Amino acid sequence: MEIDAGRNVTPISEFRKEAASILERLRKTREPLLLTQNGRSVAVVLDVEEFERREYERRFARAVGEGLRDLRQGRIISQDEMEREASGP
């Protein structure tokens, strides 16, 4: 996750004061916001739809990786075998 240090880093005290406008900006830009406390990074705030999109992409990439690993290791079945297994006894 890339965070623009000049624009997307906000002290938690400022976030508390301006939460509504900051959250609206996050909804529009879909960019993450890094919250700091006493100059240290403490949390990342992300629009829900953007979070869900990123999670979907992460899970999809993991599934593709697992599928490729299975293919390389010979753990595959033909479509006919899959259809027989899916249709049951």
PDB file of N, CA and C in Angstrom:
ATOM      1  N   MET A   1       0.855  -1.168   0.000  1.00  0.00           N
ATOM      2  CA  MET A   1       0.000   0.000   0.000  1.00  0.00           C
ATOM      3  C   MET A   1       0.900   1.229   0.000  1.00  0.00           C
ATOM      4  N   GLU A   2       0.759   2.057  -0.998  1.00  0.00           N
ATOM      5  CA  GLU A   2       1.569   3.265  -1.084  1.00  0.00           C
ATOM      6  C   GLU A   2       0.822   4.447  -0.474  1.00  0.00           C
ATOM      7  N   ILE A   3       1.523   5.200   0.339  1.00  0.00           N
ATOM      8  CA  ILE A   3       0.930   6.369   0.978  1.00  0.00           C
ATOM      9  C   ILE A   3       1.762   7.585   0.613  1.00  0.00           C
ATOM     10  N   ASP A   4       1.101   8.600   0.081  1.00  0.00           N
ATOM     11  CA  ASP A   4       1.761   9.858  -0.265  1.00  0.00           C
ATOM     12  C   ASP A   4       2.039  10.605   1.036  1.00  0.00           C
ATOM     13  N   ALA A   5       3.303  10.618   1.438  1.00  0.00           N
ATOM     14  CA  ALA A   5       3.663  11.177   2.743  1.00  0.00           C
ATOM     15  C   ALA A   5       3.292  12.645   2.883  1.00  0.00           C
ATOM     16  N   GLY A   6       3.278  13.387   1.807  1.00  0.00           N
ATOM     17  CA  GLY A   6       2.941  14.799   1.901  1.00  0.00           C
ATOM     18  C   GLY A   6       1.465  15.049   2.079  1.00  0.00           C
ATOM     19  N   ARG A   7       0.644  14.194   1.516  1.00  0.00           N
ATOM     20  CA  ARG A   7      -0.786  14.456   1.492  1.00  0.00           C
ATOM     21  C   ARG A   7      -1.601  13.521   2.376  1.00  0.00           C
ATOM     22  N   ASN A   8      -1.136  12.314   2.572  1.00  0.00           N
ATOM     23  CA  ASN A   8      -1.964  11.305   3.219  1.00  0.00           C
ATOM     24  C   ASN A   8      -1.453  10.864   4.580  1.00  0.00           C
ATOM     25  N   VAL A   9      -0.808  11.756   5.281  1.00  0.00           N
ATOM     26  CA  VAL A   9      -0.388  11.501   6.655  1.00  0.00           C
ATOM     27  C   VAL A   9      -1.016  12.588   7.512  1.00  0.00           C
ATOM     28  N   THR A  10      -1.740  12.156   8.538  1.00  0.00           N
ATOM     29  CA  THR A  10      -2.470  13.106   9.376  1.00  0.00           C
ATOM     30  C   THR A  10      -2.297  12.735  10.845  1.00  0.00           C
ATOM     31  N   PRO A  11      -2.001  13.700  11.685  1.00  0.00           N
ATOM     32  CA  PRO A  11      -1.967  13.421  13.123  1.00  0.00           C
ATOM     33  C   PRO A  11      -3.366  13.007  13.603  1.00  0.00           C
ATOM     34  N   ILE A  12      -3.417  12.099  14.531  1.00  0.00           N
ATOM     35  CA  ILE A  12      -4.707  11.609  15.024  1.00  0.00           C
ATOM     36  C   ILE A  12      -5.521  12.745  15.643  1.00  0.00           C
ATOM     37  N   SER A  13      -4.854  13.729  16.225  1.00  0.00           N
ATOM     38  CA  SER A  13      -5.579  14.867  16.808  1.00  0.00           C
ATOM     39  C   SER A  13      -6.326  15.643  15.723  1.00  0.00           C
ATOM     40  N   GLU A  14      -5.708  15.818  14.559  1.00  0.00           N
ATOM     41  CA  GLU A  14      -6.377  16.497  13.445  1.00  0.00           C
ATOM     42  C   GLU A  14      -7.513  15.631  12.898  1.00  0.00           C
ATOM     43  N   PHE A  15      -7.281  14.324  12.841  1.00  0.00           N
ATOM     44  CA  PHE A  15      -8.327  13.416  12.363  1.00  0.00           C
ATOM     45  C   PHE A  15      -9.570  13.519  13.243  1.00  0.00           C
ATOM     46  N   ARG A  16      -9.376  13.581  14.546  1.00  0.00           N
ATOM     47  CA  ARG A  16     -10.517  13.704  15.460  1.00  0.00           C
ATOM     48  C   ARG A  16     -11.327  14.967  15.173  1.00  0.00           C
ATOM     49  N   LYS A  17     -10.628  16.073  14.921  1.00  0.00           N
ATOM     50  CA  LYS A  17     -11.304  17.354  14.680  1.00  0.00           C
ATOM     51  C   LYS A  17     -11.992  17.405  13.323  1.00  0.00           C
ATOM     52  N   GLU A  18     -11.390  16.787  12.319  1.00  0.00           N
ATOM     53  CA  GLU A  18     -11.862  16.913  10.935  1.00  0.00           C
ATOM     54  C   GLU A  18     -12.342  15.584  10.349  1.00  0.00           C
ATOM     55  N   ALA A  19     -12.783  14.657  11.198  1.00  0.00           N
ATOM     56  CA  ALA A  19     -13.102  13.302  10.745  1.00  0.00           C
ATOM     57  C   ALA A  19     -14.073  13.273   9.569  1.00  0.00           C
ATOM     58  N   ALA A  20     -15.156  14.025   9.639  1.00  0.00           N
ATOM     59  CA  ALA A  20     -16.167  13.967   8.574  1.00  0.00           C
ATOM     60  C   ALA A  20     -15.592  14.381   7.226  1.00  0.00           C
ATOM     61  N   SER A  21     -14.861  15.476   7.186  1.00  0.00           N
ATOM     62  CA  SER A  21     -14.312  15.933   5.900  1.00  0.00           C
ATOM     63  C   SER A  21     -13.189  15.021   5.416  1.00  0.00           C
ATOM     64  N   ILE A  22     -12.400  14.504   6.335  1.00  0.00           N
ATOM     65  CA  ILE A  22     -11.325  13.583   5.945  1.00  0.00           C
ATOM     66  C   ILE A  22     -11.915  12.295   5.388  1.00  0.00           C
ATOM     67  N   LEU A  23     -12.943  11.763   6.038  1.00  0.00           N
ATOM     68  CA  LEU A  23     -13.571  10.534   5.547  1.00  0.00           C
ATOM     69  C   LEU A  23     -14.216  10.745   4.184  1.00  0.00           C
ATOM     70  N   GLU A  24     -14.799  11.903   3.973  1.00  0.00           N
ATOM     71  CA  GLU A  24     -15.378  12.209   2.658  1.00  0.00           C
ATOM     72  C   GLU A  24     -14.286  12.224   1.589  1.00  0.00           C
ATOM     73  N   ARG A  25     -13.143  12.822   1.914  1.00  0.00           N
ATOM     74  CA  ARG A  25     -12.021  12.834   0.966  1.00  0.00           C
ATOM     75  C   ARG A  25     -11.558  11.413   0.652  1.00  0.00           C
ATOM     76  N   LEU A  26     -11.503  10.556   1.672  1.00  0.00           N
ATOM     77  CA  LEU A  26     -11.089   9.166   1.456  1.00  0.00           C
ATOM     78  C   LEU A  26     -12.070   8.435   0.551  1.00  0.00           C
ATOM     79  N   ARG A  27     -13.367   8.701   0.722  1.00  0.00           N
ATOM     80  CA  ARG A  27     -14.375   8.072  -0.140  1.00  0.00           C
ATOM     81  C   ARG A  27     -14.181   8.489  -1.593  1.00  0.00           C
ATOM     82  N   LYS A  28     -13.819   9.744  -1.795  1.00  0.00           N
ATOM     83  CA  LYS A  28     -13.645  10.259  -3.165  1.00  0.00           C
ATOM     84  C   LYS A  28     -12.345   9.790  -3.802  1.00  0.00           C
ATOM     85  N   THR A  29     -11.257   9.821  -3.045  1.00  0.00           N
ATOM     86  CA  THR A  29      -9.939   9.516  -3.619  1.00  0.00           C
ATOM     87  C   THR A  29      -9.591   8.034  -3.574  1.00  0.00           C
ATOM     88  N   ARG A  30     -10.211   7.302  -2.639  1.00  0.00           N
ATOM     89  CA  ARG A  30      -9.916   5.880  -2.424  1.00  0.00           C
ATOM     90  C   ARG A  30      -8.457   5.639  -2.018  1.00  0.00           C
ATOM     91  N   GLU A  31      -7.806   6.683  -1.526  1.00  0.00           N
ATOM     92  CA  GLU A  31      -6.418   6.568  -1.097  1.00  0.00           C
ATOM     93  C   GLU A  31      -6.358   6.305   0.405  1.00  0.00           C
ATOM     94  N   PRO A  32      -5.366   5.542   0.865  1.00  0.00           N
ATOM     95  CA  PRO A  32      -5.226   5.297   2.298  1.00  0.00           C
ATOM     96  C   PRO A  32      -4.716   6.543   3.023  1.00  0.00           C
ATOM     97  N   LEU A  33      -5.033   6.629   4.294  1.00  0.00           N
ATOM     98  CA  LEU A  33      -4.574   7.726   5.142  1.00  0.00           C
ATOM     99  C   LEU A  33      -3.816   7.129   6.319  1.00  0.00           C
ATOM    100  N   LEU A  34      -2.603   7.586   6.525  1.00  0.00           N
ATOM    101  CA  LEU A  34      -1.790   7.137   7.643  1.00  0.00           C
ATOM    102  C   LEU A  34      -2.006   8.088   8.810  1.00  0.00           C
ATOM    103  N   LEU A  35      -2.426   7.553   9.939  1.00  0.00           N
ATOM    104  CA  LEU A  35      -2.601   8.368  11.142  1.00  0.00           C
ATOM    105  C   LEU A  35      -1.354   8.249  12.003  1.00  0.00           C
ATOM    106  N   THR A  36      -0.944   9.394  12.554  1.00  0.00           N
ATOM    107  CA  THR A  36       0.218   9.402  13.435  1.00  0.00           C
ATOM    108  C   THR A  36      -0.185   9.897  14.819  1.00  0.00           C
ATOM    109  N   GLN A  37       0.572   9.451  15.804  1.00  0.00           N
ATOM    110  CA  GLN A  37       0.371   9.904  17.180  1.00  0.00           C
ATOM    111  C   GLN A  37       1.758  10.153  17.757  1.00  0.00           C
ATOM    112  N   ASN A  38       1.981  11.360  18.213  1.00  0.00           N
ATOM    113  CA  ASN A  38       3.304  11.752  18.710  1.00  0.00           C
ATOM    114  C   ASN A  38       4.382  11.493  17.657  1.00  0.00           C
ATOM    115  N   GLY A  39       4.034  11.730  16.389  1.00  0.00           N
ATOM    116  CA  GLY A  39       4.993  11.583  15.300  1.00  0.00           C
ATOM    117  C   GLY A  39       5.242  10.168  14.826  1.00  0.00           C
ATOM    118  N   ARG A  40       4.531   9.197  15.399  1.00  0.00           N
ATOM    119  CA  ARG A  40       4.725   7.790  15.020  1.00  0.00           C
ATOM    120  C   ARG A  40       3.484   7.257  14.327  1.00  0.00           C
ATOM    121  N   SER A  41       3.674   6.425  13.319  1.00  0.00           N
ATOM    122  CA  SER A  41       2.560   5.806  12.607  1.00  0.00           C
ATOM    123  C   SER A  41       1.807   4.873  13.548  1.00  0.00           C
ATOM    124  N   VAL A  42       0.452   5.015  13.583  1.00  0.00           N
ATOM    125  CA  VAL A  42      -0.334   4.163  14.478  1.00  0.00           C
ATOM    126  C   VAL A  42      -1.465   3.423  13.775  1.00  0.00           C
ATOM    127  N   ALA A  43      -1.937   3.931  12.638  1.00  0.00           N
ATOM    128  CA  ALA A  43      -3.061   3.269  11.973  1.00  0.00           C
ATOM    129  C   ALA A  43      -3.177   3.758  10.533  1.00  0.00           C
ATOM    130  N   VAL A  44      -3.865   2.948   9.736  1.00  0.00           N
ATOM    131  CA  VAL A  44      -4.193   3.332   8.366  1.00  0.00           C
ATOM    132  C   VAL A  44      -5.702   3.308   8.243  1.00  0.00           C
ATOM    133  N   VAL A  45      -6.262   4.358   7.658  1.00  0.00           N
ATOM    134  CA  VAL A  45      -7.704   4.449   7.427  1.00  0.00           C
ATOM    135  C   VAL A  45      -7.915   4.340   5.924  1.00  0.00           C
ATOM    136  N   LEU A  46      -8.888   3.496   5.542  1.00  0.00           N
ATOM    137  CA  LEU A  46      -9.144   3.249   4.131  1.00  0.00           C
ATOM    138  C   LEU A  46     -10.642   3.151   3.904  1.00  0.00           C
ATOM    139  N   ASP A  47     -11.122   3.735   2.815  1.00  0.00           N
ATOM    140  CA  ASP A  47     -12.523   3.634   2.437  1.00  0.00           C
ATOM    141  C   ASP A  47     -12.935   2.160   2.370  1.00  0.00           C
ATOM    142  N   VAL A  48     -14.133   1.831   2.826  1.00  0.00           N
ATOM    143  CA  VAL A  48     -14.592   0.444   2.891  1.00  0.00           C
ATOM    144  C   VAL A  48     -14.598  -0.216   1.516  1.00  0.00           C
ATOM    145  N   GLU A  49     -15.115   0.459   0.509  1.00  0.00           N
ATOM    146  CA  GLU A  49     -15.153  -0.144  -0.830  1.00  0.00           C
ATOM    147  C   GLU A  49     -13.750  -0.413  -1.353  1.00  0.00           C
ATOM    148  N   GLU A  50     -12.828   0.494  -1.090  1.00  0.00           N
ATOM    149  CA  GLU A  50     -11.439   0.289  -1.521  1.00  0.00           C
ATOM    150  C   GLU A  50     -10.817  -0.865  -0.751  1.00  0.00           C
ATOM    151  N   PHE A  51     -11.103  -0.955   0.542  1.00  0.00           N
ATOM    152  CA  PHE A  51     -10.602  -2.069   1.344  1.00  0.00           C
ATOM    153  C   PHE A  51     -11.111  -3.392   0.786  1.00  0.00           C
ATOM    154  N   GLU A  52     -12.418  -3.468   0.499  1.00  0.00           N
ATOM    155  CA  GLU A  52     -12.995  -4.700  -0.039  1.00  0.00           C
ATOM    156  C   GLU A  52     -12.397  -5.047  -1.396  1.00  0.00           C
ATOM    157  N   ARG A  53     -12.162  -4.045  -2.240  1.00  0.00           N
ATOM    158  CA  ARG A  53     -11.555  -4.294  -3.551  1.00  0.00           C
ATOM    159  C   ARG A  53     -10.147  -4.859  -3.381  1.00  0.00           C
ATOM    160  N   ARG A  54      -9.387  -4.269  -2.480  1.00  0.00           N
ATOM    161  CA  ARG A  54      -8.019  -4.742  -2.255  1.00  0.00           C
ATOM    162  C   ARG A  54      -8.009  -6.152  -1.674  1.00  0.00           C
ATOM    163  N   GLU A  55      -8.932  -6.429  -0.766  1.00  0.00           N
ATOM    164  CA  GLU A  55      -9.028  -7.774  -0.195  1.00  0.00           C
ATOM    165  C   GLU A  55      -9.382  -8.799  -1.268  1.00  0.00           C
ATOM    166  N   TYR A  56     -10.325  -8.453  -2.149  1.00  0.00           N
ATOM    167  CA  TYR A  56     -10.696  -9.352  -3.240  1.00  0.00           C
ATOM    168  C   TYR A  56      -9.474  -9.640  -4.116  1.00  0.00           C
ATOM    169  N   GLU A  57      -8.739  -8.595  -4.485  1.00  0.00           N
ATOM    170  CA  GLU A  57      -7.553  -8.775  -5.320  1.00  0.00           C
ATOM    171  C   GLU A  57      -6.509  -9.638  -4.621  1.00  0.00           C
ATOM    172  N   ARG A  58      -6.335  -9.438  -3.326  1.00  0.00           N
ATOM    173  CA  ARG A  58      -5.367 -10.237  -2.569  1.00  0.00           C
ATOM    174  C   ARG A  58      -5.765 -11.708  -2.550  1.00  0.00           C
ATOM    175  N   ARG A  59      -7.060 -11.975  -2.274  1.00  0.00           N
ATOM    176  CA  ARG A  59      -7.532 -13.365  -2.250  1.00  0.00           C
ATOM    177  C   ARG A  59      -7.445 -14.005  -3.633  1.00  0.00           C
ATOM    178  N   PHE A  60      -7.781 -13.241  -4.672  1.00  0.00           N
ATOM    179  CA  PHE A  60      -7.714 -13.755  -6.035  1.00  0.00           C
ATOM    180  C   PHE A  60      -6.269 -14.115  -6.394  1.00  0.00           C
ATOM    181  N   ALA A  61      -5.337 -13.222  -6.079  1.00  0.00           N
ATOM    182  CA  ALA A  61      -3.925 -13.484  -6.374  1.00  0.00           C
ATOM    183  C   ALA A  61      -3.439 -14.720  -5.623  1.00  0.00           C
ATOM    184  N   ARG A  62      -3.873 -14.881  -4.379  1.00  0.00           N
ATOM    185  CA  ARG A  62      -3.483 -16.062  -3.604  1.00  0.00           C
ATOM    186  C   ARG A  62      -4.042 -17.329  -4.244  1.00  0.00           C
ATOM    187  N   ALA A  63      -5.306 -17.297  -4.676  1.00  0.00           N
ATOM    188  CA  ALA A  63      -5.921 -18.469  -5.304  1.00  0.00           C
ATOM    189  C   ALA A  63      -5.212 -18.826  -6.609  1.00  0.00           C
ATOM    190  N   VAL A  64      -4.863 -17.819  -7.391  1.00  0.00           N
ATOM    191  CA  VAL A  64      -4.133 -18.075  -8.638  1.00  0.00           C
ATOM    192  C   VAL A  64      -2.784 -18.708  -8.319  1.00  0.00           C
ATOM    193  N   GLY A  65      -2.093 -18.175  -7.329  1.00  0.00           N
ATOM    194  CA  GLY A  65      -0.802 -18.740  -6.927  1.00  0.00           C
ATOM    195  C   GLY A  65      -0.926 -20.186  -6.478  1.00  0.00           C
ATOM    196  N   GLU A  66      -1.960 -20.493  -5.696  1.00  0.00           N
ATOM    197  CA  GLU A  66      -2.178 -21.869  -5.250  1.00  0.00           C
ATOM    198  C   GLU A  66      -2.487 -22.774  -6.434  1.00  0.00           C
ATOM    199  N   GLY A  67      -3.287 -22.277  -7.375  1.00  0.00           N
ATOM    200  CA  GLY A  67      -3.609 -23.063  -8.562  1.00  0.00           C
ATOM    201  C   GLY A  67      -2.379 -23.356  -9.397  1.00  0.00           C
ATOM    202  N   LEU A  68      -1.524 -22.370  -9.573  1.00  0.00           N
ATOM    203  CA  LEU A  68      -0.288 -22.579 -10.337  1.00  0.00           C
ATOM    204  C   LEU A  68       0.638 -23.558  -9.622  1.00  0.00           C
ATOM    205  N   ARG A  69       0.697 -23.458  -8.300  1.00  0.00           N
ATOM    206  CA  ARG A  69       1.512 -24.395  -7.517  1.00  0.00           C
ATOM    207  C   ARG A  69       0.976 -25.820  -7.674  1.00  0.00           C
ATOM    208  N   ASP A  70      -0.348 -25.976  -7.598  1.00  0.00           N
ATOM    209  CA  ASP A  70      -0.951 -27.297  -7.803  1.00  0.00           C
ATOM    210  C   ASP A  70      -0.627 -27.834  -9.187  1.00  0.00           C
ATOM    211  N   LEU A  71      -0.709 -26.984 -10.188  1.00  0.00           N
ATOM    212  CA  LEU A  71      -0.414 -27.396 -11.560  1.00  0.00           C
ATOM    213  C   LEU A  71       1.028 -27.874 -11.682  1.00  0.00           C
ATOM    214  N   ARG A  72       1.974 -27.108 -11.130  1.00  0.00           N
ATOM    215  CA  ARG A  72       3.390 -27.496 -11.198  1.00  0.00           C
ATOM    216  C   ARG A  72       3.652 -28.811 -10.472  1.00  0.00           C
ATOM    217  N   GLN A  73       2.885 -29.074  -9.410  1.00  0.00           N
ATOM    218  CA  GLN A  73       3.103 -30.284  -8.619  1.00  0.00           C
ATOM    219  C   GLN A  73       2.235 -31.445  -9.084  1.00  0.00           C
ATOM    220  N   GLY A  74       1.527 -31.254 -10.186  1.00  0.00           N
ATOM    221  CA  GLY A  74       0.734 -32.336 -10.763  1.00  0.00           C
ATOM    222  C   GLY A  74      -0.555 -32.638 -10.024  1.00  0.00           C
ATOM    223  N   ARG A  75      -0.989 -31.742  -9.166  1.00  0.00           N
ATOM    224  CA  ARG A  75      -2.238 -31.967  -8.417  1.00  0.00           C
ATOM    225  C   ARG A  75      -3.401 -31.362  -9.202  1.00  0.00           C
ATOM    226  N   ILE A  76      -3.726 -32.008 -10.305  1.00  0.00           N
ATOM    227  CA  ILE A  76      -4.816 -31.522 -11.155  1.00  0.00           C
ATOM    228  C   ILE A  76      -5.683 -32.702 -11.579  1.00  0.00           C
ATOM    229  N   ILE A  77      -6.916 -32.400 -11.977  1.00  0.00           N
ATOM    230  CA  ILE A  77      -7.800 -33.421 -12.539  1.00  0.00           C
ATOM    231  C   ILE A  77      -8.412 -32.843 -13.810  1.00  0.00           C
ATOM    232  N   SER A  78      -8.894 -33.733 -14.664  1.00  0.00           N
ATOM    233  CA  SER A  78      -9.506 -33.281 -15.911  1.00  0.00           C
ATOM    234  C   SER A  78     -10.888 -32.699 -15.623  1.00  0.00           C
ATOM    235  N   GLN A  79     -11.418 -31.981 -16.593  1.00  0.00           N
ATOM    236  CA  GLN A  79     -12.763 -31.425 -16.433  1.00  0.00           C
ATOM    237  C   GLN A  79     -13.791 -32.543 -16.297  1.00  0.00           C
ATOM    238  N   ASP A  80     -13.613 -33.636 -17.042  1.00  0.00           N
ATOM    239  CA  ASP A  80     -14.542 -34.771 -16.931  1.00  0.00           C
ATOM    240  C   ASP A  80     -14.545 -35.337 -15.515  1.00  0.00           C
ATOM    241  N   GLU A  81     -13.345 -35.498 -14.928  1.00  0.00           N
ATOM    242  CA  GLU A  81     -13.260 -36.003 -13.555  1.00  0.00           C
ATOM    243  C   GLU A  81     -13.942 -35.043 -12.580  1.00  0.00           C
ATOM    244  N   MET A  82     -13.721 -33.759 -12.776  1.00  0.00           N
ATOM    245  CA  MET A  82     -14.323 -32.760 -11.901  1.00  0.00           C
ATOM    246  C   MET A  82     -15.847 -32.817 -11.989  1.00  0.00           C
ATOM    247  N   GLU A  83     -16.374 -32.935 -13.212  1.00  0.00           N
ATOM    248  CA  GLU A  83     -17.826 -32.994 -13.389  1.00  0.00           C
ATOM    249  C   GLU A  83     -18.402 -34.253 -12.753  1.00  0.00           C
ATOM    250  N   ARG A  84     -17.680 -35.385 -12.862  1.00  0.00           N
ATOM    251  CA  ARG A  84     -18.152 -36.623 -12.218  1.00  0.00           C
ATOM    252  C   ARG A  84     -18.181 -36.458 -10.701  1.00  0.00           C
ATOM    253  N   GLU A  85     -17.128 -35.869 -10.152  1.00  0.00           N
ATOM    254  CA  GLU A  85     -17.082 -35.661  -8.701  1.00  0.00           C
ATOM    255  C   GLU A  85     -18.174 -34.700  -8.247  1.00  0.00           C
ATOM    256  N   ALA A  86     -18.431 -33.681  -9.035  1.00  0.00           N
ATOM    257  CA  ALA A  86     -19.435 -32.683  -8.668  1.00  0.00           C
ATOM    258  C   ALA A  86     -20.847 -33.238  -8.740  1.00  0.00           C
ATOM    259  N   SER A  87     -21.074 -34.182  -9.646  1.00  0.00           N
ATOM    260  CA  SER A  87     -22.434 -34.719  -9.798  1.00  0.00           C
ATOM    261  C   SER A  87     -22.759 -35.761  -8.741  1.00  0.00           C
ATOM    262  N   GLY A  88     -21.757 -36.228  -8.021  1.00  0.00           N
ATOM    263  CA  GLY A  88     -22.006 -37.176  -6.945  1.00  0.00           C
ATOM    264  C   GLY A  88     -22.123 -38.603  -7.446  1.00  0.00           C
ATOM    265  N   PRO A  89     -22.485 -39.525  -6.536  1.00  0.00           N
ATOM    266  CA  PRO A  89     -22.550 -40.957  -6.886  1.00  0.00           C
ATOM    267  C   PRO A  89     -23.679 -41.300  -7.830  1.00  0.00           C
TER     268      PRO A  89
END
